[in-house]
Protein backbone atom coordinates (compact mmCIF):
# COMPACT_ATOMS: atom_id res chain seq x y z
CA MET A 1 -178.20 282.66 226.21
CA ASN A 2 -179.27 284.86 222.76
CA ASN A 3 -177.65 287.92 224.41
CA LEU A 4 -174.63 286.35 225.24
CA SER A 5 -174.15 284.66 221.55
CA ALA A 6 -174.60 288.17 220.65
CA ILE A 7 -171.77 289.55 222.61
CA LEU A 8 -169.31 287.07 221.97
CA PHE A 9 -169.86 287.59 218.08
CA LEU A 10 -169.30 291.09 218.64
CA VAL A 11 -165.79 290.75 220.46
CA LEU A 12 -164.98 288.02 217.76
CA CYS A 13 -165.74 290.64 214.93
CA TYR A 14 -164.16 292.93 216.94
CA THR A 15 -160.67 290.86 217.73
CA THR A 16 -160.87 289.90 213.41
CA ASP A 17 -160.90 293.53 212.94
CA MET A 18 -157.90 294.36 214.88
CA LEU A 19 -156.00 291.59 213.58
CA HIS A 20 -156.75 292.56 210.15
CA ALA A 21 -155.64 296.06 211.11
CA GLN A 22 -152.14 295.02 212.93
CA SER A 23 -151.49 292.57 209.86
CA ALA A 24 -151.74 295.90 207.49
CA THR A 25 -149.83 297.92 209.50
CA LYS A 26 -147.07 295.30 209.75
CA SER A 27 -146.98 294.60 205.99
CA LYS A 28 -147.07 298.54 205.26
CA THR A 29 -143.91 300.13 204.33
CA PHE A 30 -143.21 303.65 204.99
CA GLU A 31 -141.18 306.19 203.28
CA ILE A 32 -138.91 308.18 204.96
CA ALA A 33 -137.11 311.46 203.43
CA GLY A 34 -135.65 314.40 204.86
CA THR A 35 -132.79 316.84 204.39
CA VAL A 36 -129.88 317.24 206.68
CA ILE A 37 -128.44 320.78 207.73
CA SER A 38 -126.18 322.77 209.50
CA GLN A 39 -127.91 324.32 212.34
CA THR A 40 -125.12 327.23 212.28
CA THR A 41 -124.48 327.79 208.72
CA LYS A 42 -128.05 326.40 207.46
CA LYS A 43 -126.13 324.55 204.68
CA PRO A 44 -127.01 320.85 203.77
CA MET A 45 -124.66 318.18 204.84
CA SER A 46 -123.86 315.25 202.34
CA PHE A 47 -122.85 312.09 203.76
CA ALA A 48 -124.61 312.39 207.12
CA SER A 49 -125.08 308.59 208.86
CA ILE A 50 -128.58 308.34 208.92
CA ARG A 51 -129.75 304.82 210.37
CA LEU A 52 -132.43 302.78 212.30
CA LYS A 53 -131.47 302.55 215.91
CA ASN A 54 -132.99 298.94 215.99
CA SER A 55 -131.93 297.57 212.77
CA LEU A 56 -129.38 297.32 210.65
CA PHE A 57 -130.41 299.47 208.04
CA GLY A 58 -129.05 302.66 207.07
CA THR A 59 -128.24 305.54 204.70
CA SER A 60 -126.29 308.46 203.94
CA SER A 61 -127.35 311.95 202.53
CA ASP A 62 -126.53 312.74 199.21
CA GLU A 63 -124.60 315.80 198.33
CA HIS A 64 -127.48 318.19 198.54
CA GLY A 65 -127.92 316.60 202.14
CA LYS A 66 -131.47 314.68 201.31
CA PHE A 67 -132.06 310.83 201.97
CA LEU A 68 -134.48 308.97 201.04
CA PHE A 69 -134.98 305.12 202.55
CA LYS A 70 -138.18 302.41 203.73
CA ALA A 71 -138.82 301.78 207.05
CA ASN A 72 -141.40 298.58 208.26
CA HIS A 73 -141.97 299.80 211.85
CA LEU A 74 -143.12 303.21 212.95
CA SER A 75 -141.80 302.03 216.85
CA ASP A 76 -138.55 302.55 215.86
CA THR A 77 -135.87 305.61 216.32
CA LEU A 78 -133.51 307.61 213.52
CA GLU A 79 -129.99 308.29 214.52
CA ILE A 80 -128.49 311.19 212.07
CA SER A 81 -124.60 311.65 212.95
CA PHE A 82 -122.02 313.35 211.32
CA ILE A 83 -118.22 313.92 212.61
CA GLY A 84 -117.65 316.84 214.49
CA PHE A 85 -121.60 317.12 215.37
CA LYS A 86 -123.63 315.72 218.24
CA THR A 87 -125.93 312.77 217.20
CA LYS A 88 -129.68 313.31 216.83
CA ARG A 89 -132.47 311.07 217.12
CA ILE A 90 -135.52 311.41 216.51
CA ALA A 91 -138.66 308.84 216.70
CA LEU A 92 -140.44 307.96 212.92
CA LYS A 93 -143.87 308.67 213.99
CA THR A 94 -141.92 312.19 214.27
CA ILE A 95 -140.46 312.18 210.89
CA LEU A 96 -143.34 310.59 209.15
CA ALA A 97 -145.97 313.52 210.19
CA THR A 98 -143.43 316.16 208.66
CA THR A 99 -142.20 314.38 205.56
CA PRO A 100 -140.28 315.77 203.84
CA THR A 101 -138.32 317.07 207.05
CA ILE A 102 -135.33 319.50 207.97
CA ILE A 103 -132.88 318.22 210.32
CA ALA A 104 -130.19 320.26 211.46
CA LEU A 105 -127.21 319.03 213.27
CA GLU A 106 -125.40 320.78 216.14
CA GLU A 107 -121.85 321.35 216.12
CA HIS A 108 -120.14 319.53 218.99
CA HIS A 109 -117.71 322.43 220.31
CA ILE A 110 -115.08 320.80 223.07
CA GLU A 111 -113.15 323.42 225.28
CA ILE A 112 -109.91 322.52 225.79
CA PRO A 113 -107.69 324.12 228.17
CA GLU A 114 -103.92 324.25 227.38
CA THR A 115 -103.05 321.92 230.07
CA ILE A 116 -105.16 318.99 228.71
CA VAL A 117 -104.71 319.62 225.01
CA VAL A 118 -102.93 316.05 224.74
CA GLU A 119 -105.80 314.06 226.51
CA ALA A 120 -108.43 316.05 224.63
CA SER A 121 -107.17 315.27 221.09
CA LYS A 122 -106.47 311.64 222.06
CA GLU A 123 -110.39 312.10 223.36
CA TRP A 124 -111.46 313.51 220.10
CA ALA A 125 -109.57 310.78 218.58
CA LYS A 126 -111.64 307.99 219.89
CA GLU A 127 -114.29 309.64 219.16
CA LEU A 128 -113.92 310.07 215.70
CA PHE A 129 -112.91 306.54 215.55
CA GLU A 130 -115.95 305.37 216.81
CA GLN A 131 -118.11 307.61 214.39
CA VAL A 132 -116.21 306.51 211.47
CA ILE A 133 -116.93 302.76 212.57
CA ASP A 134 -120.75 303.57 213.24
CA SER A 135 -120.53 304.86 209.73
CA ILE A 136 -119.18 301.79 207.77
CA HIS A 137 -122.80 300.28 207.64
CA VAL A 138 -123.05 303.21 204.63
CA ASN A 139 -120.51 301.60 202.61
CA PHE A 140 -121.92 298.27 203.31
CA VAL A 141 -124.03 296.29 200.04
CA GLN A 142 -127.47 296.18 201.06
CA GLU A 143 -128.99 293.51 198.75
CA PRO A 144 -128.27 289.96 200.03
CA ILE A 145 -125.58 287.88 198.55
CA LEU A 146 -125.02 284.32 199.04
CA PHE A 147 -121.49 283.46 198.33
CA ASN A 148 -119.07 280.25 198.75
CA THR A 149 -115.48 279.76 198.43
CA VAL A 150 -113.29 276.61 199.25
CA ILE A 151 -109.89 277.14 200.06
CA HIS A 152 -107.57 273.62 199.39
CA ALA A 153 -104.00 273.39 201.79
CA SER A 154 -101.74 270.84 202.15
CA GLN A 155 -99.39 269.50 205.08
CA ALA A 156 -96.15 268.23 204.71
CA LYS A 157 -93.91 267.23 207.63
CA ASP A 158 -90.36 266.52 206.14
CA ASP A 159 -89.65 270.31 205.78
CA PHE A 160 -91.87 271.42 208.81
CA THR A 161 -93.94 273.81 206.64
CA GLN A 162 -97.76 273.63 207.44
CA GLN A 163 -100.15 275.14 205.51
CA ARG A 164 -104.23 275.97 206.52
CA THR A 165 -106.79 273.31 206.16
CA THR A 166 -109.76 273.11 203.88
CA ILE A 167 -112.30 276.28 204.60
CA ASN A 168 -115.30 276.86 203.67
CA ALA A 169 -116.91 280.18 203.77
CA ASP A 170 -120.39 281.20 203.15
CA ILE A 171 -121.04 284.65 202.86
CA TYR A 172 -124.85 285.23 203.85
CA PHE A 173 -125.39 288.66 204.23
CA GLY A 174 -124.10 291.52 201.63
CA ASN A 175 -123.92 293.61 204.41
CA GLY A 176 -121.59 291.54 206.83
CA TYR A 177 -123.83 290.06 209.12
CA ASN A 178 -123.95 286.32 209.75
CA PRO A 179 -127.48 284.59 210.79
CA ARG A 180 -126.12 284.88 214.55
CA LYS A 181 -126.00 288.90 213.82
CA LYS A 182 -122.26 289.48 214.31
CA ARG A 183 -120.39 290.68 211.30
CA ASN A 184 -118.49 288.42 209.37
CA ASP A 185 -114.54 288.83 209.31
CA PHE A 186 -114.61 291.01 206.10
CA LEU A 187 -115.44 294.44 204.75
CA VAL A 188 -118.23 294.89 202.18
CA VAL A 189 -116.99 298.20 200.38
CA LYS A 190 -119.57 300.25 198.28
CA GLY A 191 -118.40 301.89 195.27
CA THR A 192 -114.88 300.59 195.93
CA CYS A 193 -112.78 297.91 194.12
CA ILE A 194 -109.64 296.26 195.60
CA THR A 195 -106.85 296.77 193.37
CA LYS A 196 -103.72 295.70 195.67
CA TYR A 197 -102.93 292.97 197.56
CA ASP A 198 -102.52 293.45 201.24
CA SER A 199 -98.84 293.27 202.18
CA VAL A 200 -98.01 290.96 205.19
CA SER A 201 -94.68 290.46 206.51
CA ALA A 202 -94.31 287.77 209.69
CA GLN A 203 -91.24 286.90 211.66
CA TRP A 204 -92.09 283.31 213.17
CA SER A 205 -90.38 281.40 216.08
CA PRO A 206 -89.58 277.90 215.56
CA PHE A 207 -92.08 275.11 216.46
CA THR A 208 -91.46 271.81 217.46
CA PRO A 209 -93.43 268.52 216.17
CA LYS A 210 -95.21 266.10 219.04
CA ASP A 211 -94.80 262.65 218.85
CA ASN A 212 -94.40 262.87 215.17
CA THR A 213 -97.76 263.94 214.38
CA LEU A 214 -99.13 267.42 212.77
CA ILE A 215 -100.17 268.94 216.28
CA TYR A 216 -97.36 271.58 217.03
CA GLU A 217 -97.06 274.38 219.49
CA VAL A 218 -96.63 277.31 217.81
CA ASN A 219 -94.79 280.25 219.67
CA GLY A 220 -95.81 283.21 217.71
CA ILE A 221 -98.58 285.35 216.24
CA PHE A 222 -101.31 283.70 213.50
CA LEU A 223 -102.24 285.68 210.46
CA ARG A 224 -105.83 284.77 211.14
CA ASP A 225 -105.50 286.08 214.54
CA VAL A 226 -104.52 289.72 213.17
CA ILE A 227 -107.51 289.55 210.77
CA ALA A 228 -109.77 288.60 213.32
CA TYR A 229 -108.99 291.31 215.76
CA ARG A 230 -108.63 293.90 213.25
CA ASP A 231 -112.39 293.19 212.01
CA ASN A 232 -113.70 292.78 215.19
CA LEU A 233 -112.40 295.77 215.94
CA PHE A 234 -113.36 297.70 213.24
CA LEU A 235 -116.80 295.63 212.31
CA ASN A 236 -118.17 294.84 216.09
CA LYS A 237 -116.29 297.34 218.48
CA LYS A 238 -115.03 293.89 220.35
CA ASN A 239 -112.04 295.52 222.67
CA LEU A 240 -112.46 298.65 222.25
CA SER A 241 -112.27 299.67 225.70
CA HIS A 242 -108.93 298.28 225.53
CA TYR A 243 -107.41 300.72 222.29
CA ALA A 244 -105.84 303.87 223.61
CA PHE A 245 -106.44 306.47 219.69
CA ASP A 246 -104.37 309.40 218.79
CA VAL A 247 -104.47 311.78 215.74
CA GLU A 248 -101.31 310.95 213.70
CA SER A 249 -101.61 313.75 210.59
CA GLU A 250 -104.19 315.76 208.91
CA ASP A 251 -103.74 317.13 205.26
CA GLU A 252 -107.07 318.41 202.62
CA ALA A 253 -107.88 314.92 201.92
CA THR A 254 -107.31 312.55 204.74
CA LEU A 255 -107.10 312.00 208.49
CA THR A 256 -104.88 309.86 209.93
CA VAL A 257 -105.70 307.98 213.67
CA ARG A 258 -103.49 305.57 215.50
CA PHE A 259 -104.63 302.74 217.72
CA LYS A 260 -102.87 300.53 220.43
CA ALA A 261 -104.13 297.94 222.82
CA SER A 262 -102.85 296.80 225.60
CA THR A 263 -102.02 292.87 225.81
CA LEU A 264 -104.80 290.53 225.02
CA ARG A 265 -104.88 287.06 225.42
CA VAL A 266 -104.79 285.40 221.95
CA GLY A 267 -105.65 280.99 221.32
CA VAL A 268 -106.52 278.95 223.82
CA ILE A 269 -105.17 277.34 226.84
CA PRO A 270 -102.67 275.17 226.64
CA PHE A 271 -101.41 277.55 223.59
CA PRO A 272 -102.50 280.93 224.21
CA ASN A 273 -100.62 284.13 223.34
CA LEU A 274 -100.36 287.40 225.11
CA ILE A 275 -100.31 289.97 222.35
CA SER A 276 -100.54 293.82 221.85
CA PHE A 277 -102.43 294.97 218.65
CA SER A 278 -101.70 298.45 217.36
CA GLY A 279 -102.30 300.37 214.02
CA LYS A 280 -103.43 302.95 212.31
CA VAL A 281 -106.62 304.15 210.10
CA GLU A 282 -106.63 306.47 206.97
CA ILE A 283 -109.84 308.21 206.79
CA ASN A 284 -110.89 310.11 203.41
CA LYS A 285 -112.05 313.36 204.83
CA THR A 286 -114.59 313.65 201.88
CA ASN A 287 -117.32 311.05 203.13
CA PHE A 288 -115.18 310.09 206.11
CA SER A 289 -114.69 306.15 204.36
CA ILE A 290 -111.52 303.68 205.30
CA THR A 291 -108.92 304.16 202.58
CA LYS A 292 -106.20 302.02 204.51
CA ILE A 293 -105.87 299.93 207.52
CA ILE A 294 -102.54 298.99 209.04
CA MET A 295 -103.24 296.45 211.77
CA SER A 296 -99.94 295.07 213.75
CA GLY A 297 -99.26 292.14 216.37
CA ILE A 298 -96.36 291.92 218.35
CA VAL A 299 -96.08 289.07 220.99
CA ASP A 300 -95.71 290.27 224.58
CA GLU A 301 -92.88 288.00 225.46
CA ASP A 302 -92.57 289.70 229.00
CA ALA A 303 -96.05 288.73 229.82
CA MET A 304 -95.30 285.39 228.23
CA ILE A 305 -92.80 284.75 230.58
CA GLU A 306 -94.59 286.06 233.51
CA ALA A 307 -98.14 284.30 232.80
CA PHE A 308 -97.00 280.94 231.32
CA ASN A 309 -93.02 280.55 232.06
CA LYS A 310 -92.53 280.88 228.41
CA SER A 311 -90.61 282.63 226.20
CA THR A 312 -91.79 283.70 222.43
CA VAL A 313 -91.31 285.65 219.64
CA GLY A 314 -93.45 286.45 216.95
CA GLU A 315 -94.64 289.70 214.86
CA LEU A 316 -97.08 290.59 211.94
CA GLU A 317 -98.02 293.56 210.00
CA ILE A 318 -101.21 293.69 207.47
CA THR A 319 -101.27 296.76 205.15
CA THR A 320 -104.94 296.94 203.20
CA GLU A 321 -105.42 299.70 200.91
CA TYR A 322 -109.10 300.48 199.00
CA LYS A 323 -109.15 302.42 195.91
CA SER A 324 -111.90 303.76 193.76
CA SER A 325 -113.56 302.13 191.23
CA PRO A 326 -114.21 304.29 188.22
CA ASN A 327 -117.34 302.13 187.12
CA GLY A 328 -118.74 302.84 190.90
CA LYS A 329 -119.77 299.22 190.83
CA LEU A 330 -120.54 297.40 194.44
CA TYR A 331 -118.13 294.74 195.38
CA TRP A 332 -117.15 292.45 198.68
CA ALA A 333 -113.73 291.44 199.49
CA ARG A 334 -112.96 288.34 201.22
CA SER A 335 -109.56 287.79 202.06
CA LEU A 336 -108.04 284.48 201.08
CA PHE A 337 -104.69 283.66 202.11
CA LYS A 338 -101.88 280.99 203.19
CA GLU A 339 -100.01 280.60 206.17
CA ASN A 340 -96.70 279.13 206.19
CA PHE A 341 -94.33 278.02 209.14
CA GLN A 342 -90.99 277.39 208.70
CA ARG A 343 -87.75 276.66 211.50
CA GLY A 344 -86.51 280.27 212.21
CA ALA A 345 -87.49 281.68 208.44
CA GLN A 346 -89.19 285.27 208.12
CA ILE A 347 -91.65 285.17 205.50
CA ILE A 348 -93.60 287.33 203.68
CA ILE A 349 -97.30 286.09 202.76
CA ASP A 350 -99.62 287.89 200.18
CA ASN A 351 -103.12 288.41 201.28
CA SER A 352 -105.50 288.61 197.95
CA PHE A 353 -109.14 289.82 197.68
CA ILE A 354 -111.77 288.31 195.65
CA ALA A 355 -114.84 290.63 194.11
CA THR A 356 -118.52 289.92 194.34
CA GLY A 357 -119.42 286.96 192.19
CA VAL A 358 -115.98 285.80 191.33
CA GLN A 359 -115.31 282.50 192.06
CA PRO A 360 -111.75 282.09 193.17
CA ILE A 361 -109.30 280.00 191.20
CA HIS A 362 -105.91 278.69 192.96
CA ASP A 363 -102.99 277.16 190.82
CA ASN A 364 -100.30 274.76 192.54
CA ASP A 365 -98.12 278.00 193.83
CA TRP A 366 -101.33 279.29 195.92
CA THR A 367 -101.43 282.26 193.86
CA PRO A 368 -104.66 283.66 194.25
CA LYS A 369 -106.75 284.68 190.55
CA ALA A 370 -109.39 286.46 190.14
CA GLN A 371 -110.96 288.47 187.22
CA ASN A 372 -110.00 292.04 187.20
CA LEU A 373 -113.49 294.01 187.82
CA CYS A 374 -111.81 297.29 188.38
CA ASP A 375 -111.30 298.15 184.67
């Protein structure tokens, strides 16, 4: 009996020590440092994307190719990527054992026979687009932000004008993720400030009230649809396989990539629309950040007739420009907008942006106002 008690006591002590060790390991923060260089030239690579494979956290290398950040788990893997180079994956345990370490990236050469130059260009454009999206996290604010905004709207039956009803938008994470780990429909931009309104133009089809209520059958495309599909493409890669890509132009500072999707179903039955999305994105070649996004949505009338025996028209384009801020502060941008629907009328919608910590104010004309933080 005494022997059994002694054995149980030893097992208990061992288990307690193990739990303490595990707890200490979990609470410990590991510092990961290194330098990213080109395997060919041996020169440091600035603005390389460095991120944890199984985490939301990441950073980018500085002008000397160096990076430094903290990790909580050694079981993760570090992914290092750069446009035109092969992505490298290294276990954190390996890096920690040799910190500071040198990480050499190998150039990604593509042999392009003359007969398939066009197809290779499209494939390269898609790869470029995906790597730019994968690098967006570098431009995201890392500190959590809680921000609430309320947008009020009104409805008028007499002139068949409808405006969006009240919206409550709670932003839980500055890096653009909501509690369900999906990125919210807004872009967080590091070191930049929105100084221009979005220019939005649309041609709406007529709509018909039913039973004197404010329920409408709207044959057209909604601004919220274009915003949702734009942000889901850029932030969550949603419907990426439906898009085709091509490089439109390139100069010393900028690359412009065009994209176009096959017809996608938007909305819910009984009032869905079949819409073709297209656009272009301008990319800063220095750090591969996004400087402009143009997104268009056009209702596919032939597809609508074939699928639902319904003819419809609708076209909308959104242009968003991002400009550098001299003071280099961190901001997020949340789009505030109104939607007007009028019989057969062509309308212009301004889509403004509000900077971090500024509560939006609306006057009677729905003109969005915000403190200018770009000075």
